[in-house]
């Protein structure tokens, strides 16, 4: 499936593609979230991938690793956008169960899922409009190793969720430095993003979940910020905590972005204090 999707993206980015070199400001394409959409690390933003303006294509590819000591999450994916209006994204997540797999002698030592995303800018602009940029996103997630999630109470191995995101870059908004504000509402019943399936024995309904990001751009190439993501709590097997992080982003040019973060993920699958390092590298075209 991954090869097929890659071919689709390559087909979209065929000869005749207009690359965006002089369009949007540096860093306004964001980085890649762990679910593939453009934005921060643990939350998407209303921005679209790449730097394409009207009539132009933008694209990105990324790789991310999160290490907590007990677990490891590896993500790779890509996104393409057109006209700063619509974005298609794909991400493959692989979650190494590490300590939990050894302690409980689980039949699988890792879990994985595919995420297909669509994001559409509805109205507004990140900088120049009176209204913030507002985008609507849809993500279809398919869990690939459902045995362990089914044993702990998950109800299904795939689901579709939606979110609405609003972003605004305030020029000089933080003591003369540019300030980015982002807020999301997500409609989801995914357990740990969907890696532990969808719905549970405690609750099998979608929840409205809050997400947010704040970042200060100290210059065009460096950003420092925080993120927050509310999580559902569907499984009796283990609690699920909200996520947060503190990140620093480096954007040396429009073709490269590097994000390093300290993430606080709380309890995951019964193991508490899952805090650790987050590193993501993105190439944009």
Foldseek 3Di string as FASTA:
>chain_A
DVVVVVVVVDVVCDPVADADAPADFFCQQAFAEQQWAHPYHPDHALWGHFRDAAAHKKKKWKWKWWAQPQKIKIKTWMKMDHNRFKMKIKMKIKIQRHPVCVVVVDPDRIKMKMKIKMKGFDDDDQEDGPFFTKIKMKIKMFIDDQPVLVVQFADDGIDMKIKMKTKHWDQLPPVRWIKIKMKMWIWAQAAVNRRSHGAGPQGHGTDTWIKIKMWTDPDSFKIWIKIWTADDAGTPQDGFGIKMKIKMWGRPGSFKIKIKIWIAGADDRHDGRRITIMIMIMTMD
